[in-house]
Each structure stands twice: as C-alpha cells, then as structure tokens.
C-alpha cells in the first residue's frame, strides 16, 4: 500500500476519535476524556443533602414481655397519624424502682437516659423520617412537637397518671405538691404526664434527631427551648420568644398546651390546638408571660454549692 492510500485511512480514524472523545461528550454534557470514570448521566435530578448526617438507629431489644401503646394525633398538615410504641416491661419496672433527683437542674438526665435511647430513636424516625428536601425540615420537626403536645396531660399527684393506678414509690412531696419527673419511656407507657414529663420526652426525641435543646423551668411550669438561628416565620401572628444561653438563641416550645386536666370539674378540657415554635403568648399561664425561666441544659453535672476542706489529723508522734 502506498503512502497516498494510507493518509486517507489515518485521517478518517482521527476524525472518528475526535468525534468520540470531544464532540459527543460536549453534546451530551459528559466530561471529556477516556473511559466512564466520573461521568454523570444526563438528566439526573439534583440531590438534596441534609445539613447534618442522621445517625444510624440503635437496635431495639425484642426479647421479653413488653408494653404496647398506640398513639393517635393530628400532624401539622391536619392529617391524623397513628403509631405503635413497645417498651420492655423490665426496663419500665427498673425506672419505677429508681429514685428521682430533687434538683430540677438534674432533670435533663432523664431525657438522655441511654436505656431509653433506642426507643426514642426509633419513634422519632417514624414520626419525623429524614427529609430529602431541606425545606421540609421544619414540618418534620413540628410533627414531632405536635405528637408530644397531644399526649394527655395529668398531674403528678393524680393516680390516673400512672398505669399502676397509684403514686410510684419515689414520688416526691415538694412545695405542697407531688413531683415525679418521668423517664421518656415512662411517659409513653403511662400514656400521659404533666409539663416536665412532656418537656423531658420532647427533649429526648429531639436530641435523638440531633437538635440541641434545654429545659425551661418556671415557678409552676416547665417547657422546652430549642436552639435555632434567627427564627421569624413570615406566617406567624406572634413574636417568637427565645432566651439566650451560651450565646445561642433557644426558642420556647410548649409541651402540654393542647390538652389540660381541669381539676375543679374532674374532666378533660381540650381548649386549644398544638402550638408552634416560639409561641408562648397563648399558654394562659401568668408565669410564662412574666417570668424569665431557669435554663436547664440536658448535659449538666451538678456541683456542690460550697467546698469544705478539713485539715488532716497527724499521728500522735507528729510524723
């Protein structure tokens, strides 16, 4: 074969190579180069990445007898939701046999109990599954808040607040009343509780989803504070209330405002609707309107109010 016959063949091969490696990828939006490494198929939708990774739920033990509770509540979109919760009877019984801290500043420990964590993680992810779209995060959060708010309210001194029909052994008598802060799974099994029980349960559920929360203690009430950036929703007909702690804003979240127990008439009075984040104006409690609450962080180690150092006695020989 002569050179004049080779040149057209080489030229044709070069044209085919250019078309395959440059022209075709340019037309299809593929990266230019050899092979398929790093290519992106045409038409793929954008992928929304959550602001923080969702931890893998801890496996739930499934051996032994359990309490089964069914909950029904109204979600933020107005739809009725249902879910089932199972708690080992052994775990519940162990909590009932555990003495309670009398210091309010220690009550955040109940929300973070490692024994309750698997059940809170599972429940939180069923009520508020991870959202692919960041714009859905607020609705995910509010569904969990609304779930807790609609758990029936009952005072600690009422035997109806406990499945046994009697006050627990370690119920405390303080300030003329009864205090018994419940572990989160206790509130779920009892199916009711008062303000600190709701706040502790909500704190545990939100912590399981990675939110930073604190307890807000008033003279006669306890609510929750959730850390958020500047929060001023355009649709709100109220001024969102927040408190500053550690240089961060913690917005008020009511835990029991949907249903109250009317002691005077011995009946349940449903007088409102679930309340949104920052909405403290309509709680009906003077303390919430006039007091600055004590901030109770969940991760808190109590310290003695004073330290006393006593000199050690030396042996009789003075050595």
C-alpha atoms as a PDB file:
ATOM      1  CA  UNK A   1       0.000   0.000   0.000  1.00  0.00           C
ATOM      2  CA  UNK A   2       1.398   3.409  -0.944  1.00  0.00           C
ATOM      3  CA  UNK A   3       1.503   6.468   1.363  1.00  0.00           C
ATOM      4  CA  UNK A   4      -1.192   8.192  -0.689  1.00  0.00           C
ATOM      5  CA  UNK A   5      -3.518   5.305   0.238  1.00  0.00           C
ATOM      6  CA  UNK A   6      -2.567   5.341   3.974  1.00  0.00           C
ATOM      7  CA  UNK A   7      -3.158   9.042   4.572  1.00  0.00           C
ATOM      8  CA  UNK A   8      -6.965   8.961   3.992  1.00  0.00           C
ATOM      9  CA  UNK A   9      -7.301   5.972   6.372  1.00  0.00           C
ATOM     10  CA  UNK A  10      -5.354   7.730   9.131  1.00  0.00           C
ATOM     11  CA  UNK A  11      -7.303  10.936   8.623  1.00  0.00           C
ATOM     12  CA  UNK A  12     -10.604   9.080   8.842  1.00  0.00           C
ATOM     13  CA  UNK A  13      -9.558   7.338  12.073  1.00  0.00           C
ATOM     14  CA  UNK A  14      -8.547  10.675  13.574  1.00  0.00           C
ATOM     15  CA  UNK A  15     -11.934  12.208  12.750  1.00  0.00           C
ATOM     16  CA  UNK A  16     -13.751   9.265  14.385  1.00  0.00           C
ATOM     17  CA  UNK A  17     -11.561   9.592  17.512  1.00  0.00           C
ATOM     18  CA  UNK A  18     -12.245  13.311  17.803  1.00  0.00           C
ATOM     19  CA  UNK A  19     -15.981  12.751  17.470  1.00  0.00           C
ATOM     20  CA  UNK A  20     -15.965  10.007  20.124  1.00  0.00           C
ATOM     21  CA  UNK A  21     -13.835  11.853  22.688  1.00  0.00           C
ATOM     22  CA  UNK A  22     -14.751  15.512  22.184  1.00  0.00           C
ATOM     23  CA  UNK A  23     -17.842  16.195  20.109  1.00  0.00           C
ATOM     24  CA  UNK A  24     -20.164  13.523  21.553  1.00  0.00           C
ATOM     25  CA  UNK A  25     -19.404  14.313  25.243  1.00  0.00           C
ATOM     26  CA  UNK A  26     -19.796  18.021  24.567  1.00  0.00           C
ATOM     27  CA  UNK A  27     -23.222  17.477  23.047  1.00  0.00           C
ATOM     28  CA  UNK A  28     -24.384  15.144  25.823  1.00  0.00           C
ATOM     29  CA  UNK A  29     -22.942  17.083  28.725  1.00  0.00           C
ATOM     30  CA  UNK A  30     -20.464  14.364  29.666  1.00  0.00           C
ATOM     31  CA  UNK A  31     -16.909  15.074  30.843  1.00  0.00           C
ATOM     32  CA  UNK A  32     -14.287  14.889  28.119  1.00  0.00           C
ATOM     33  CA  UNK A  33     -11.760  12.082  28.485  1.00  0.00           C
ATOM     34  CA  UNK A  34     -11.147   8.380  28.220  1.00  0.00           C
ATOM     35  CA  UNK A  35     -13.434   5.828  29.867  1.00  0.00           C
ATOM     36  CA  UNK A  36     -16.548   6.301  32.022  1.00  0.00           C
ATOM     37  CA  UNK A  37     -14.880   7.250  35.355  1.00  0.00           C
ATOM     38  CA  UNK A  38     -16.539  10.309  36.839  1.00  0.00           C
ATOM     39  CA  UNK A  39     -19.267  10.634  34.250  1.00  0.00           C
ATOM     40  CA  UNK A  40     -22.684  11.991  35.210  1.00  0.00           C
ATOM     41  CA  UNK A  41     -25.719  10.603  33.346  1.00  0.00           C
ATOM     42  CA  UNK A  42     -27.751  13.239  31.564  1.00  0.00           C
ATOM     43  CA  UNK A  43     -30.937  14.335  33.296  1.00  0.00           C
ATOM     44  CA  UNK A  44     -30.096  13.279  36.868  1.00  0.00           C
ATOM     45  CA  UNK A  45     -32.088  15.372  39.394  1.00  0.00           C
ATOM     46  CA  UNK A  46     -30.170  17.391  41.998  1.00  0.00           C
ATOM     47  CA  UNK A  47     -29.583  15.563  45.249  1.00  0.00           C
ATOM     48  CA  UNK A  48     -30.508  17.364  48.499  1.00  0.00           C
ATOM     49  CA  UNK A  49     -28.061  16.652  51.299  1.00  0.00           C
ATOM     50  CA  UNK A  50     -29.300  17.108  54.900  1.00  0.00           C
ATOM     51  CA  UNK A  51     -27.437  19.743  56.899  1.00  0.00           C
ATOM     52  CA  UNK A  52     -26.184  17.064  59.287  1.00  0.00           C
ATOM     53  CA  UNK A  53     -25.911  13.303  58.884  1.00  0.00           C
ATOM     54  CA  UNK A  54     -28.600  11.231  60.582  1.00  0.00           C
ATOM     55  CA  UNK A  55     -27.021   8.659  62.910  1.00  0.00           C
ATOM     56  CA  UNK A  56     -27.902   5.016  62.471  1.00  0.00           C
ATOM     57  CA  UNK A  57     -30.627   3.954  64.926  1.00  0.00           C
ATOM     58  CA  UNK A  58     -29.529   1.737  67.789  1.00  0.00           C
ATOM     59  CA  UNK A  59     -31.013  -1.787  67.532  1.00  0.00           C
ATOM     60  CA  UNK A  60     -34.046  -2.269  69.766  1.00  0.00           C
ATOM     61  CA  UNK A  61     -34.022  -5.307  72.047  1.00  0.00           C
ATOM     62  CA  UNK A  62     -37.003  -7.510  71.270  1.00  0.00           C
ATOM     63  CA  UNK A  63     -36.811 -10.173  73.942  1.00  0.00           C
ATOM     64  CA  UNK A  64     -39.084 -10.468  76.975  1.00  0.00           C
ATOM     65  CA  UNK A  65     -42.526  -9.062  77.737  1.00  0.00           C
ATOM     66  CA  UNK A  66     -43.400  -5.575  76.504  1.00  0.00           C
ATOM     67  CA  UNK A  67     -45.959  -2.827  76.975  1.00  0.00           C
ATOM     68  CA  UNK A  68     -47.640  -1.864  73.705  1.00  0.00           C
ATOM     69  CA  UNK A  69     -49.145   1.589  73.314  1.00  0.00           C
ATOM     70  CA  UNK A  70     -50.980   3.044  70.303  1.00  0.00           C
ATOM     71  CA  UNK A  71     -50.960   6.803  69.743  1.00  0.00           C
ATOM     72  CA  UNK A  72     -53.207   8.873  67.506  1.00  0.00           C
ATOM     73  CA  UNK A  73     -52.524  12.534  66.848  1.00  0.00           C
ATOM     74  CA  UNK A  74     -53.022  15.338  64.343  1.00  0.00           C
ATOM     75  CA  UNK A  75     -49.967  16.249  62.271  1.00  0.00           C
ATOM     76  CA  UNK A  76     -49.033  19.731  61.088  1.00  0.00           C
ATOM     77  CA  UNK A  77     -50.780  19.165  57.748  1.00  0.00           C
ATOM     78  CA  UNK A  78     -54.056  18.368  59.531  1.00  0.00           C
ATOM     79  CA  UNK A  79     -53.914  14.662  58.800  1.00  0.00           C
ATOM     80  CA  UNK A  80     -54.498  12.084  61.526  1.00  0.00           C
ATOM     81  CA  UNK A  81     -51.467   9.914  62.246  1.00  0.00           C
ATOM     82  CA  UNK A  82     -51.120   6.729  64.276  1.00  0.00           C
ATOM     83  CA  UNK A  83     -48.112   4.870  65.604  1.00  0.00           C
ATOM     84  CA  UNK A  84     -47.366   1.993  67.939  1.00  0.00           C
ATOM     85  CA  UNK A  85     -44.750   2.006  70.693  1.00  0.00           C
ATOM     86  CA  UNK A  86     -43.423  -1.056  72.519  1.00  0.00           C
ATOM     87  CA  UNK A  87     -41.354  -0.823  75.705  1.00  0.00           C
ATOM     88  CA  UNK A  88     -39.892  -3.797  77.608  1.00  0.00           C
ATOM     89  CA  UNK A  89     -41.638  -4.300  80.924  1.00  0.00           C
ATOM     90  CA  UNK A  90     -38.260  -4.953  82.547  1.00  0.00           C
ATOM     91  CA  UNK A  91     -36.981  -1.502  81.514  1.00  0.00           C
ATOM     92  CA  UNK A  92     -40.159   0.225  82.671  1.00  0.00           C
ATOM     93  CA  UNK A  93     -40.040  -1.585  86.001  1.00  0.00           C
ATOM     94  CA  UNK A  94     -36.395  -0.639  86.504  1.00  0.00           C
ATOM     95  CA  UNK A  95     -37.255   3.036  86.007  1.00  0.00           C
ATOM     96  CA  UNK A  96     -40.075   2.845  88.528  1.00  0.00           C
ATOM     97  CA  UNK A  97     -37.615   1.482  91.108  1.00  0.00           C
ATOM     98  CA  UNK A  98     -35.146   4.336  90.517  1.00  0.00           C
ATOM     99  CA  UNK A  99     -35.127   7.283  92.973  1.00  0.00           C
ATOM    100  CA  UNK A 100     -35.652  10.736  91.445  1.00  0.00           C
ATOM    101  CA  UNK A 101     -33.388  13.769  91.647  1.00  0.00           C
ATOM    102  CA  UNK A 102     -34.983  16.506  93.696  1.00  0.00           C
ATOM    103  CA  UNK A 103     -32.848  19.185  91.996  1.00  0.00           C
ATOM    104  CA  UNK A 104     -34.576  20.475  88.856  1.00  0.00           C
ATOM    105  CA  UNK A 105     -31.165  21.178  87.315  1.00  0.00           C
ATOM    106  CA  UNK A 106     -30.561  17.423  87.077  1.00  0.00           C
ATOM    107  CA  UNK A 107     -33.771  16.512  85.274  1.00  0.00           C
ATOM    108  CA  UNK A 108     -32.179  16.732  81.837  1.00  0.00           C
ATOM    109  CA  UNK A 109     -30.503  13.410  82.639  1.00  0.00           C
ATOM    110  CA  UNK A 110     -33.831  11.624  82.238  1.00  0.00           C
ATOM    111  CA  UNK A 111     -34.138  12.841  78.639  1.00  0.00           C
ATOM    112  CA  UNK A 112     -30.681  11.452  77.832  1.00  0.00           C
ATOM    113  CA  UNK A 113     -31.021   8.055  79.566  1.00  0.00           C
ATOM    114  CA  UNK A 114     -29.038   5.604  77.443  1.00  0.00           C
ATOM    115  CA  UNK A 115     -31.545   2.832  78.190  1.00  0.00           C
ATOM    116  CA  UNK A 116     -34.342   4.844  76.546  1.00  0.00           C
ATOM    117  CA  UNK A 117     -32.305   5.959  73.553  1.00  0.00           C
ATOM    118  CA  UNK A 118     -33.084   3.058  71.163  1.00  0.00           C
ATOM    119  CA  UNK A 119     -36.824   3.525  71.630  1.00  0.00           C
ATOM    120  CA  UNK A 120     -36.642   7.303  71.192  1.00  0.00           C
ATOM    121  CA  UNK A 121     -34.533   6.968  68.042  1.00  0.00           C
ATOM    122  CA  UNK A 122     -36.988   4.512  66.540  1.00  0.00           C
ATOM    123  CA  UNK A 123     -40.059   6.572  67.451  1.00  0.00           C
ATOM    124  CA  UNK A 124     -38.531   9.871  66.289  1.00  0.00           C
ATOM    125  CA  UNK A 125     -37.668   8.458  62.881  1.00  0.00           C
ATOM    126  CA  UNK A 126     -41.152   7.047  62.385  1.00  0.00           C
ATOM    127  CA  UNK A 127     -42.864  10.295  63.369  1.00  0.00           C
ATOM    128  CA  UNK A 128     -40.323  12.500  61.579  1.00  0.00           C
ATOM    129  CA  UNK A 129     -38.466  10.480  58.933  1.00  0.00           C
ATOM    130  CA  UNK A 130     -35.331  12.075  57.454  1.00  0.00           C
ATOM    131  CA  UNK A 131     -36.260  14.674  54.853  1.00  0.00           C
ATOM    132  CA  UNK A 132     -34.517  14.663  51.450  1.00  0.00           C
ATOM    133  CA  UNK A 133     -35.572  18.256  50.871  1.00  0.00           C
ATOM    134  CA  UNK A 134     -34.147  20.781  53.393  1.00  0.00           C
ATOM    135  CA  UNK A 135     -37.331  22.858  53.038  1.00  0.00           C
ATOM    136  CA  UNK A 136     -39.272  20.008  54.684  1.00  0.00           C
ATOM    137  CA  UNK A 137     -37.138  20.063  57.838  1.00  0.00           C
ATOM    138  CA  UNK A 138     -39.441  22.483  59.688  1.00  0.00           C
ATOM    139  CA  UNK A 139     -42.501  20.297  59.044  1.00  0.00           C
ATOM    140  CA  UNK A 140     -40.545  17.237  60.157  1.00  0.00           C
ATOM    141  CA  UNK A 141     -39.677  18.989  63.406  1.00  0.00           C
ATOM    142  CA  UNK A 142     -43.207  20.226  64.013  1.00  0.00           C
ATOM    143  CA  UNK A 143     -44.743  16.777  63.562  1.00  0.00           C
ATOM    144  CA  UNK A 144     -42.630  15.544  66.456  1.00  0.00           C
ATOM    145  CA  UNK A 145     -43.542  18.581  68.590  1.00  0.00           C
ATOM    146  CA  UNK A 146     -47.244  18.126  67.832  1.00  0.00           C
ATOM    147  CA  UNK A 147     -47.055  14.433  68.745  1.00  0.00           C
ATOM    148  CA  UNK A 148     -45.823  15.220  72.263  1.00  0.00           C
ATOM    149  CA  UNK A 149     -48.222  18.127  72.754  1.00  0.00           C
ATOM    150  CA  UNK A 150     -51.198  15.840  72.164  1.00  0.00           C
ATOM    151  CA  UNK A 151     -50.275  13.289  74.824  1.00  0.00           C
ATOM    152  CA  UNK A 152     -52.958  13.796  77.532  1.00  0.00           C
ATOM    153  CA  UNK A 153     -51.983  15.993  80.468  1.00  0.00           C
ATOM    154  CA  UNK A 154     -52.269  14.656  84.008  1.00  0.00           C
ATOM    155  CA  UNK A 155     -50.840  15.970  87.277  1.00  0.00           C
ATOM    156  CA  UNK A 156     -48.217  14.058  89.238  1.00  0.00           C
ATOM    157  CA  UNK A 157     -50.446  13.780  92.302  1.00  0.00           C
ATOM    158  CA  UNK A 158     -53.198  12.029  90.318  1.00  0.00           C
ATOM    159  CA  UNK A 159     -53.136   8.237  90.467  1.00  0.00           C
ATOM    160  CA  UNK A 160     -54.577   8.273  86.930  1.00  0.00           C
ATOM    161  CA  UNK A 161     -51.169   9.477  85.685  1.00  0.00           C
ATOM    162  CA  UNK A 162     -49.681   6.013  86.288  1.00  0.00           C
ATOM    163  CA  UNK A 163     -50.612   2.614  84.857  1.00  0.00           C
ATOM    164  CA  UNK A 164     -50.494   1.095  88.345  1.00  0.00           C
ATOM    165  CA  UNK A 165     -53.278   3.414  89.483  1.00  0.00           C
ATOM    166  CA  UNK A 166     -51.147   4.618  92.404  1.00  0.00           C
ATOM    167  CA  UNK A 167     -48.288   7.025  93.017  1.00  0.00           C
ATOM    168  CA  UNK A 168     -44.845   5.494  92.391  1.00  0.00           C
ATOM    169  CA  UNK A 169     -42.650   4.687  95.362  1.00  0.00           C
ATOM    170  CA  UNK A 170     -40.252   7.551  94.666  1.00  0.00           C
ATOM    171  CA  UNK A 171     -42.798  10.304  94.077  1.00  0.00           C
ATOM    172  CA  UNK A 172     -41.530  13.396  95.912  1.00  0.00           C
ATOM    173  CA  UNK A 173     -43.547  15.808  98.003  1.00  0.00           C
ATOM    174  CA  UNK A 174     -42.287  19.324  97.266  1.00  0.00           C
ATOM    175  CA  UNK A 175     -43.802  22.730  97.758  1.00  0.00           C
ATOM    176  CA  UNK A 176     -47.201  21.439  98.774  1.00  0.00           C
ATOM    177  CA  UNK A 177     -47.499  19.106  95.799  1.00  0.00           C
ATOM    178  CA  UNK A 178     -46.111  15.946  94.241  1.00  0.00           C
ATOM    179  CA  UNK A 179     -43.219  15.811  91.792  1.00  0.00           C
ATOM    180  CA  UNK A 180     -42.268  12.739  89.807  1.00  0.00           C
ATOM    181  CA  UNK A 181     -40.225  13.523  86.680  1.00  0.00           C
ATOM    182  CA  UNK A 182     -40.648  10.561  84.341  1.00  0.00           C
ATOM    183  CA  UNK A 183     -38.160   8.894  82.077  1.00  0.00           C
ATOM    184  CA  UNK A 184     -39.328   9.256  78.446  1.00  0.00           C
ATOM    185  CA  UNK A 185     -40.483   5.634  78.152  1.00  0.00           C
ATOM    186  CA  UNK A 186     -42.470   6.008  81.385  1.00  0.00           C
ATOM    187  CA  UNK A 187     -44.493   8.814  79.824  1.00  0.00           C
ATOM    188  CA  UNK A 188     -45.060   6.703  76.707  1.00  0.00           C
ATOM    189  CA  UNK A 189     -46.216   3.667  78.685  1.00  0.00           C
ATOM    190  CA  UNK A 190     -48.379   5.688  81.084  1.00  0.00           C
ATOM    191  CA  UNK A 191     -49.818   7.497  78.070  1.00  0.00           C
ATOM    192  CA  UNK A 192     -49.996  10.763  79.988  1.00  0.00           C
ATOM    193  CA  UNK A 193     -47.949  13.129  82.138  1.00  0.00           C
ATOM    194  CA  UNK A 194     -47.523  16.718  83.239  1.00  0.00           C
ATOM    195  CA  UNK A 195     -45.403  19.606  81.925  1.00  0.00           C
ATOM    196  CA  UNK A 196     -41.955  18.337  82.913  1.00  0.00           C
ATOM    197  CA  UNK A 197     -42.769  14.858  81.595  1.00  0.00           C
ATOM    198  CA  UNK A 198     -43.715  16.306  78.199  1.00  0.00           C
ATOM    199  CA  UNK A 199     -40.630  18.538  78.130  1.00  0.00           C
ATOM    200  CA  UNK A 200     -38.328  15.623  79.029  1.00  0.00           C
ATOM    201  CA  UNK A 201     -39.901  13.344  76.401  1.00  0.00           C
ATOM    202  CA  UNK A 202     -39.719  16.030  73.726  1.00  0.00           C
ATOM    203  CA  UNK A 203     -36.103  16.795  74.634  1.00  0.00           C
ATOM    204  CA  UNK A 204     -35.173  13.120  74.323  1.00  0.00           C
ATOM    205  CA  UNK A 205     -36.882  12.760  70.942  1.00  0.00           C
ATOM    206  CA  UNK A 206     -35.351  15.939  69.537  1.00  0.00           C
ATOM    207  CA  UNK A 207     -31.913  15.030  70.866  1.00  0.00           C
ATOM    208  CA  UNK A 208     -32.237  11.693  69.056  1.00  0.00           C
ATOM    209  CA  UNK A 209     -32.668  13.683  65.828  1.00  0.00           C
ATOM    210  CA  UNK A 210     -29.621  15.829  66.569  1.00  0.00           C
ATOM    211  CA  UNK A 211     -31.328  19.010  67.830  1.00  0.00           C
ATOM    212  CA  UNK A 212     -29.852  20.985  70.726  1.00  0.00           C
ATOM    213  CA  UNK A 213     -32.424  21.621  73.445  1.00  0.00           C
ATOM    214  CA  UNK A 214     -32.695  22.839  77.041  1.00  0.00           C
ATOM    215  CA  UNK A 215     -35.428  22.688  79.660  1.00  0.00           C
ATOM    216  CA  UNK A 216     -37.108  25.965  80.642  1.00  0.00           C
ATOM    217  CA  UNK A 217     -38.170  25.951  84.294  1.00  0.00           C
ATOM    218  CA  UNK A 218     -40.725  28.458  85.577  1.00  0.00           C
ATOM    219  CA  UNK A 219     -42.088  28.707  89.114  1.00  0.00           C
ATOM    220  CA  UNK A 220     -45.073  26.494  88.244  1.00  0.00           C
ATOM    221  CA  UNK A 221     -44.307  25.156  84.778  1.00  0.00           C
ATOM    222  CA  UNK A 222     -41.654  23.541  82.600  1.00  0.00           C
ATOM    223  CA  UNK A 223     -41.282  23.862  78.840  1.00  0.00           C
ATOM    224  CA  UNK A 224     -38.603  23.254  76.244  1.00  0.00           C
ATOM    225  CA  UNK A 225     -36.133  25.505  74.475  1.00  0.00           C
ATOM    226  CA  UNK A 226     -34.751  24.541  71.057  1.00  0.00           C
ATOM    227  CA  UNK A 227     -31.641  26.171  69.622  1.00  0.00           C
ATOM    228  CA  UNK A 228     -32.228  27.839  66.284  1.00  0.00           C
ATOM    229  CA  UNK A 229     -30.767  30.667  64.267  1.00  0.00           C
ATOM    230  CA  UNK A 230     -32.800  33.794  63.667  1.00  0.00           C
ATOM    231  CA  UNK A 231     -36.348  32.451  63.556  1.00  0.00           C
ATOM    232  CA  UNK A 232     -39.061  34.810  62.371  1.00  0.00           C
ATOM    233  CA  UNK A 233     -41.513  32.925  60.154  1.00  0.00           C
ATOM    234  CA  UNK A 234     -43.436  35.179  57.796  1.00  0.00           C
ATOM    235  CA  UNK A 235     -46.725  33.385  58.554  1.00  0.00           C
ATOM    236  CA  UNK A 236     -46.570  33.761  62.354  1.00  0.00           C
ATOM    237  CA  UNK A 237     -49.111  36.006  64.067  1.00  0.00           C
ATOM    238  CA  UNK A 238     -46.920  36.166  67.144  1.00  0.00           C
ATOM    239  CA  UNK A 239     -43.448  37.360  68.047  1.00  0.00           C
ATOM    240  CA  UNK A 240     -41.318  34.224  68.566  1.00  0.00           C
ATOM    241  CA  UNK A 241     -39.970  34.144  72.116  1.00  0.00           C
ATOM    242  CA  UNK A 242     -36.453  32.994  72.783  1.00  0.00           C
ATOM    243  CA  UNK A 243     -33.903  33.010  75.593  1.00  0.00           C
ATOM    244  CA  UNK A 244     -30.158  33.359  75.312  1.00  0.00           C
ATOM    245  CA  UNK A 245     -27.896  30.720  76.789  1.00  0.00           C
ATOM    246  CA  UNK A 246     -24.236  30.234  75.969  1.00  0.00           C
ATOM    247  CA  UNK A 247     -24.506  32.886  73.277  1.00  0.00           C
ATOM    248  CA  UNK A 248     -27.234  30.909  71.441  1.00  0.00           C
ATOM    249  CA  UNK A 249     -30.960  31.524  70.993  1.00  0.00           C
ATOM    250  CA  UNK A 250     -33.280  28.873  72.433  1.00  0.00           C
ATOM    251  CA  UNK A 251     -36.879  29.295  71.294  1.00  0.00           C
ATOM    252  CA  UNK A 252     -39.795  28.446  73.560  1.00  0.00           C
ATOM    253  CA  UNK A 253     -41.657  25.216  72.791  1.00  0.00           C
ATOM    254  CA  UNK A 254     -44.775  24.280  74.761  1.00  0.00           C
ATOM    255  CA  UNK A 255     -45.178  20.606  75.548  1.00  0.00           C
ATOM    256  CA  UNK A 256     -48.639  20.356  77.133  1.00  0.00           C
ATOM    257  CA  UNK A 257     -50.704  23.171  75.663  1.00  0.00           C
ATOM    258  CA  UNK A 258     -53.121  21.036  73.681  1.00  0.00           C
ATOM    259  CA  UNK A 259     -54.940  19.273  76.495  1.00  0.00           C
ATOM    260  CA  UNK A 260     -55.254  20.248  80.154  1.00  0.00           C
ATOM    261  CA  UNK A 261     -56.765  18.431  83.106  1.00  0.00           C
ATOM    262  CA  UNK A 262     -59.471  20.528  84.713  1.00  0.00           C
ATOM    263  CA  UNK A 263     -59.182  19.573  88.378  1.00  0.00           C
ATOM    264  CA  UNK A 264     -62.186  21.610  89.524  1.00  0.00           C
ATOM    265  CA  UNK A 265     -64.633  19.744  87.274  1.00  0.00           C
ATOM    266  CA  UNK A 266     -62.694  16.459  87.200  1.00  0.00           C
ATOM    267  CA  UNK A 267     -62.860  16.394  83.411  1.00  0.00           C
ATOM    268  CA  UNK A 268     -60.566  16.740  80.438  1.00  0.00           C
ATOM    269  CA  UNK A 269     -60.816  20.110  78.743  1.00  0.00           C
ATOM    270  CA  UNK A 270     -59.464  20.391  75.200  1.00  0.00           C
ATOM    271  CA  UNK A 271     -59.242  24.110  74.683  1.00  0.00           C
ATOM    272  CA  UNK A 272     -56.624  24.776  72.089  1.00  0.00           C
ATOM    273  CA  UNK A 273     -54.525  23.473  69.249  1.00  0.00           C
ATOM    274  CA  UNK A 274     -50.880  22.447  69.030  1.00  0.00           C
ATOM    275  CA  UNK A 275     -48.597  25.437  69.337  1.00  0.00           C
ATOM    276  CA  UNK A 276     -45.713  26.267  67.061  1.00  0.00           C
ATOM    277  CA  UNK A 277     -42.119  27.037  67.997  1.00  0.00           C
ATOM    278  CA  UNK A 278     -41.731  30.350  69.808  1.00  0.00           C
ATOM    279  CA  UNK A 279     -45.454  30.710  70.501  1.00  0.00           C
ATOM    280  CA  UNK A 280     -45.685  31.447  74.213  1.00  0.00           C
ATOM    281  CA  UNK A 281     -48.331  34.174  74.059  1.00  0.00           C
ATOM    282  CA  UNK A 282     -51.395  31.985  74.417  1.00  0.00           C
ATOM    283  CA  UNK A 283     -50.380  29.464  77.043  1.00  0.00           C
ATOM    284  CA  UNK A 284     -52.660  31.012  79.658  1.00  0.00           C
ATOM    285  CA  UNK A 285     -50.008  30.732  82.359  1.00  0.00           C
ATOM    286  CA  UNK A 286     -49.057  34.037  84.034  1.00  0.00           C
ATOM    287  CA  UNK A 287     -45.616  32.668  84.915  1.00  0.00           C
ATOM    288  CA  UNK A 288     -44.761  32.086  81.261  1.00  0.00           C
ATOM    289  CA  UNK A 289     -45.804  35.636  80.433  1.00  0.00           C
ATOM    290  CA  UNK A 290     -43.981  37.379  83.269  1.00  0.00           C
ATOM    291  CA  UNK A 291     -41.029  35.246  84.389  1.00  0.00           C
ATOM    292  CA  UNK A 292     -37.598  34.609  82.946  1.00  0.00           C
ATOM    293  CA  UNK A 293     -37.163  30.836  83.190  1.00  0.00           C
ATOM    294  CA  UNK A 294     -34.207  28.986  84.621  1.00  0.00           C
ATOM    295  CA  UNK A 295     -32.259  27.416  81.762  1.00  0.00           C
ATOM    296  CA  UNK A 296     -31.629  23.728  82.479  1.00  0.00           C
ATOM    297  CA  UNK A 297     -29.183  22.174  79.981  1.00  0.00           C
ATOM    298  CA  UNK A 298     -29.605  18.459  79.371  1.00  0.00           C
ATOM    299  CA  UNK A 299     -25.895  17.750  79.724  1.00  0.00           C
ATOM    300  CA  UNK A 300     -25.257  19.127  83.169  1.00  0.00           C
ATOM    301  CA  UNK A 301     -23.119  17.957  86.076  1.00  0.00           C
ATOM    302  CA  UNK A 302     -24.280  19.426  89.407  1.00  0.00           C
ATOM    303  CA  UNK A 303     -21.563  20.978  91.506  1.00  0.00           C
ATOM    304  CA  UNK A 304     -21.580  21.455  95.301  1.00  0.00           C
ATOM    305  CA  UNK A 305     -22.629  24.936  96.369  1.00  0.00           C
ATOM    306  CA  UNK A 306     -19.602  25.133  98.666  1.00  0.00           C
ATOM    307  CA  UNK A 307     -16.423  23.204  99.217  1.00  0.00           C
ATOM    308  CA  UNK A 308     -15.130  22.487 102.716  1.00  0.00           C
ATOM    309  CA  UNK A 309     -11.548  21.416 103.226  1.00  0.00           C
ATOM    310  CA  UNK A 310     -10.769  19.890 106.622  1.00  0.00           C
ATOM    311  CA  UNK A 311      -7.134  19.568 107.747  1.00  0.00           C
ATOM    312  CA  UNK A 312      -5.919  16.012 108.099  1.00  0.00           C
ATOM    313  CA  UNK A 313      -5.002  14.951 111.629  1.00  0.00           C
ATOM    314  CA  UNK A 314      -1.396  13.971 112.113  1.00  0.00           C
ATOM    315  CA  UNK A 315      -0.445  10.827 114.064  1.00  0.00           C
ATOM    316  CA  UNK A 316       0.351  11.245 117.746  1.00  0.00           C
ATOM    317  CA  UNK A 317       4.110  11.312 117.150  1.00  0.00           C
ATOM    318  CA  UNK A 318       3.758  14.285 114.849  1.00  0.00           C
ATOM    319  CA  UNK A 319       5.190  12.457 111.843  1.00  0.00           C
END
